[in-house]
Amino acid sequence: MLIIYMPYHTKKKNSPKKNAPKSKSNNKKRALKKEEIELFKTHSKHHSKKHIDYMKKFIMDGKGCFSEAHKAANKAVGK
């Protein structure tokens, strides 16, 4: 039995996936924005100083945005 593979059925090695998530290495170290500072004022009422400090460092190191920092702080420090 002879099997012929059509070109669109074969996989190329080392080819990037179409819907692969983009890396977040584009972020650079930066200062906090005015909006973030305002968010921290209300956010600090519900969370510990360790949590807030972890989030600020996370954002300033360029690792992600406010919501990503919050998720990481919850995992690392807790509420």
N, C-alpha and C. Protein backbone atom coordinates (compact mmCIF):
# COMPACT_ATOMS: atom_id res chain seq x y z
N MET A 1 0.84 -1.17 0.00
CA MET A 1 0.00 0.00 0.00
C MET A 1 0.89 1.25 0.00
N LEU A 2 0.65 2.16 -0.89
CA LEU A 2 1.43 3.37 -1.04
C LEU A 2 0.67 4.54 -0.41
N ILE A 3 1.33 5.22 0.54
CA ILE A 3 0.72 6.39 1.19
C ILE A 3 1.44 7.63 0.70
N ILE A 4 0.67 8.56 0.19
CA ILE A 4 1.22 9.82 -0.29
C ILE A 4 0.74 10.92 0.65
N TYR A 5 1.70 11.65 1.22
CA TYR A 5 1.35 12.73 2.13
C TYR A 5 1.25 14.03 1.34
N MET A 6 0.15 14.70 1.57
CA MET A 6 -0.05 16.00 0.94
C MET A 6 0.76 17.03 1.72
N PRO A 7 1.27 18.06 1.05
CA PRO A 7 2.13 19.03 1.73
C PRO A 7 1.46 19.71 2.92
N TYR A 8 0.16 19.92 2.88
CA TYR A 8 -0.49 20.61 3.98
C TYR A 8 -0.77 19.67 5.15
N HIS A 9 -0.48 18.41 5.02
CA HIS A 9 -0.68 17.46 6.11
C HIS A 9 0.60 17.18 6.88
N THR A 10 1.70 17.62 6.37
CA THR A 10 2.96 17.34 7.04
C THR A 10 3.30 18.46 8.00
N LYS A 11 4.01 18.11 9.05
CA LYS A 11 4.43 19.12 10.02
C LYS A 11 5.89 19.47 9.76
N LYS A 12 6.17 20.73 9.85
CA LYS A 12 7.54 21.18 9.71
C LYS A 12 8.15 21.24 11.09
N LYS A 13 9.37 20.77 11.22
CA LYS A 13 10.04 20.85 12.50
C LYS A 13 10.42 22.29 12.80
N ASN A 14 10.31 22.64 14.06
CA ASN A 14 10.69 23.96 14.55
C ASN A 14 9.86 25.10 13.96
N SER A 15 8.67 24.81 13.47
CA SER A 15 7.83 25.88 12.97
C SER A 15 6.97 26.40 14.11
N PRO A 16 6.83 27.73 14.23
CA PRO A 16 6.02 28.27 15.33
C PRO A 16 4.54 27.97 15.11
N LYS A 17 3.83 27.75 16.19
CA LYS A 17 2.40 27.49 16.08
C LYS A 17 1.69 28.79 15.77
N LYS A 18 0.57 28.68 15.07
CA LYS A 18 -0.15 29.88 14.65
C LYS A 18 -0.71 30.65 15.84
N ASN A 19 -1.26 29.95 16.81
CA ASN A 19 -1.91 30.60 17.94
C ASN A 19 -1.06 30.54 19.20
N ALA A 20 0.22 30.43 19.05
CA ALA A 20 1.11 30.36 20.21
C ALA A 20 1.13 31.71 20.92
N PRO A 21 1.11 31.69 22.26
CA PRO A 21 1.14 32.97 22.98
C PRO A 21 2.47 33.68 22.78
N LYS A 22 2.39 34.98 22.68
CA LYS A 22 3.59 35.78 22.48
C LYS A 22 4.32 35.92 23.81
N SER A 23 5.62 35.96 23.74
CA SER A 23 6.39 36.12 24.97
C SER A 23 6.24 37.54 25.47
N LYS A 24 6.32 37.69 26.78
CA LYS A 24 6.14 39.00 27.38
C LYS A 24 7.47 39.62 27.75
N SER A 25 8.48 39.32 26.99
CA SER A 25 9.80 39.85 27.28
C SER A 25 9.96 41.28 26.75
N ASN A 26 8.90 41.84 26.16
CA ASN A 26 8.96 43.19 25.62
C ASN A 26 8.98 44.24 26.73
N ASN A 27 8.51 43.85 27.93
CA ASN A 27 8.43 44.80 29.02
C ASN A 27 9.82 45.17 29.51
N LYS A 28 9.97 46.45 29.85
CA LYS A 28 11.24 46.95 30.35
C LYS A 28 11.01 47.54 31.73
N LYS A 29 12.10 47.74 32.46
CA LYS A 29 12.00 48.37 33.77
C LYS A 29 11.46 49.78 33.58
N ARG A 30 10.55 50.16 34.48
CA ARG A 30 9.93 51.48 34.35
C ARG A 30 9.37 51.91 35.70
N ALA A 31 8.99 53.17 35.77
CA ALA A 31 8.36 53.70 36.98
C ALA A 31 6.86 53.43 36.92
N LEU A 32 6.21 53.56 38.07
CA LEU A 32 4.76 53.37 38.11
C LEU A 32 4.05 54.55 37.46
N LYS A 33 2.94 54.26 36.79
CA LYS A 33 2.14 55.31 36.16
C LYS A 33 1.20 55.91 37.20
N LYS A 34 0.65 57.09 36.89
CA LYS A 34 -0.28 57.75 37.81
C LYS A 34 -1.50 56.87 38.08
N GLU A 35 -2.00 56.22 37.06
CA GLU A 35 -3.18 55.36 37.21
C GLU A 35 -2.89 54.21 38.17
N GLU A 36 -1.70 53.65 38.06
CA GLU A 36 -1.31 52.53 38.92
C GLU A 36 -1.17 52.98 40.38
N ILE A 37 -0.62 54.16 40.57
CA ILE A 37 -0.49 54.69 41.92
C ILE A 37 -1.87 54.88 42.56
N GLU A 38 -2.82 55.39 41.77
CA GLU A 38 -4.19 55.55 42.26
C GLU A 38 -4.82 54.19 42.58
N LEU A 39 -4.57 53.20 41.73
CA LEU A 39 -5.09 51.86 41.98
C LEU A 39 -4.51 51.27 43.26
N PHE A 40 -3.24 51.52 43.51
CA PHE A 40 -2.61 50.99 44.72
C PHE A 40 -3.22 51.60 45.99
N LYS A 41 -3.68 52.84 45.92
CA LYS A 41 -4.29 53.47 47.09
C LYS A 41 -5.54 52.70 47.53
N THR A 42 -6.37 52.31 46.58
CA THR A 42 -7.57 51.56 46.93
C THR A 42 -7.24 50.08 47.17
N HIS A 43 -6.28 49.58 46.44
CA HIS A 43 -5.91 48.16 46.53
C HIS A 43 -5.28 47.85 47.88
N SER A 44 -4.56 48.83 48.45
CA SER A 44 -3.85 48.59 49.71
C SER A 44 -4.79 48.46 50.89
N LYS A 45 -6.04 48.88 50.75
CA LYS A 45 -7.01 48.73 51.83
C LYS A 45 -7.37 47.27 52.05
N HIS A 46 -7.24 46.45 51.01
CA HIS A 46 -7.66 45.05 51.07
C HIS A 46 -6.50 44.07 51.16
N HIS A 47 -5.27 44.57 51.04
CA HIS A 47 -4.10 43.69 50.98
C HIS A 47 -2.98 44.18 51.90
N SER A 48 -2.08 43.25 52.24
CA SER A 48 -0.97 43.55 53.15
C SER A 48 0.11 44.39 52.45
N LYS A 49 0.98 44.96 53.28
CA LYS A 49 2.09 45.75 52.73
C LYS A 49 3.02 44.88 51.89
N LYS A 50 3.24 43.62 52.31
CA LYS A 50 4.10 42.70 51.54
C LYS A 50 3.52 42.48 50.15
N HIS A 51 2.19 42.31 50.09
CA HIS A 51 1.50 42.08 48.82
C HIS A 51 1.69 43.29 47.91
N ILE A 52 1.48 44.48 48.44
CA ILE A 52 1.60 45.71 47.65
C ILE A 52 3.04 45.91 47.18
N ASP A 53 4.01 45.71 48.09
CA ASP A 53 5.42 45.88 47.72
C ASP A 53 5.83 44.89 46.63
N TYR A 54 5.34 43.66 46.74
CA TYR A 54 5.65 42.64 45.73
C TYR A 54 5.09 43.08 44.37
N MET A 55 3.86 43.59 44.37
CA MET A 55 3.24 44.04 43.12
C MET A 55 4.02 45.20 42.50
N LYS A 56 4.42 46.17 43.33
CA LYS A 56 5.15 47.33 42.82
C LYS A 56 6.47 46.90 42.20
N LYS A 57 7.20 46.02 42.87
CA LYS A 57 8.47 45.53 42.36
C LYS A 57 8.26 44.76 41.06
N PHE A 58 7.21 43.95 41.01
CA PHE A 58 6.88 43.16 39.82
C PHE A 58 6.66 44.07 38.62
N ILE A 59 5.90 45.14 38.82
CA ILE A 59 5.59 46.07 37.72
C ILE A 59 6.83 46.87 37.32
N MET A 60 7.57 47.36 38.31
CA MET A 60 8.74 48.18 38.00
C MET A 60 9.86 47.38 37.35
N ASP A 61 9.92 46.08 37.61
CA ASP A 61 10.92 45.23 36.96
C ASP A 61 10.52 44.87 35.54
N GLY A 62 9.31 45.26 35.13
CA GLY A 62 8.87 45.01 33.76
C GLY A 62 8.40 43.60 33.53
N LYS A 63 7.91 42.95 34.57
CA LYS A 63 7.46 41.56 34.41
C LYS A 63 6.01 41.46 33.96
N GLY A 64 5.25 42.53 34.09
CA GLY A 64 3.85 42.48 33.66
C GLY A 64 3.06 43.69 34.11
N CYS A 65 1.75 43.60 33.90
CA CYS A 65 0.86 44.70 34.22
C CYS A 65 0.28 44.51 35.63
N PHE A 66 -0.66 45.36 36.00
CA PHE A 66 -1.23 45.36 37.35
C PHE A 66 -1.91 44.03 37.67
N SER A 67 -2.72 43.53 36.78
CA SER A 67 -3.44 42.28 37.06
C SER A 67 -2.49 41.08 37.13
N GLU A 68 -1.47 41.07 36.29
CA GLU A 68 -0.48 39.98 36.35
C GLU A 68 0.31 40.06 37.65
N ALA A 69 0.62 41.29 38.09
CA ALA A 69 1.33 41.48 39.35
C ALA A 69 0.48 41.00 40.51
N HIS A 70 -0.81 41.25 40.44
CA HIS A 70 -1.73 40.83 41.51
C HIS A 70 -1.78 39.31 41.62
N LYS A 71 -1.88 38.64 40.48
CA LYS A 71 -1.91 37.18 40.48
C LYS A 71 -0.61 36.61 41.04
N ALA A 72 0.51 37.19 40.63
CA ALA A 72 1.81 36.70 41.09
C ALA A 72 1.98 36.96 42.60
N ALA A 73 1.50 38.11 43.08
CA ALA A 73 1.61 38.44 44.50
C ALA A 73 0.75 37.50 45.33
N ASN A 74 -0.43 37.15 44.83
CA ASN A 74 -1.29 36.22 45.55
C ASN A 74 -0.61 34.87 45.69
N LYS A 75 0.05 34.42 44.64
CA LYS A 75 0.75 33.13 44.70
C LYS A 75 1.95 33.18 45.63
N ALA A 76 2.74 34.25 45.54
CA ALA A 76 3.99 34.34 46.28
C ALA A 76 3.80 34.74 47.74
N VAL A 77 3.00 35.74 47.99
CA VAL A 77 2.88 36.31 49.32
C VAL A 77 1.55 35.98 49.99
N GLY A 78 0.50 35.96 49.20
CA GLY A 78 -0.85 35.80 49.76
C GLY A 78 -1.51 37.16 49.85
N LYS A 79 -2.63 37.20 50.53
CA LYS A 79 -3.40 38.43 50.60
C LYS A 79 -2.77 39.37 51.60
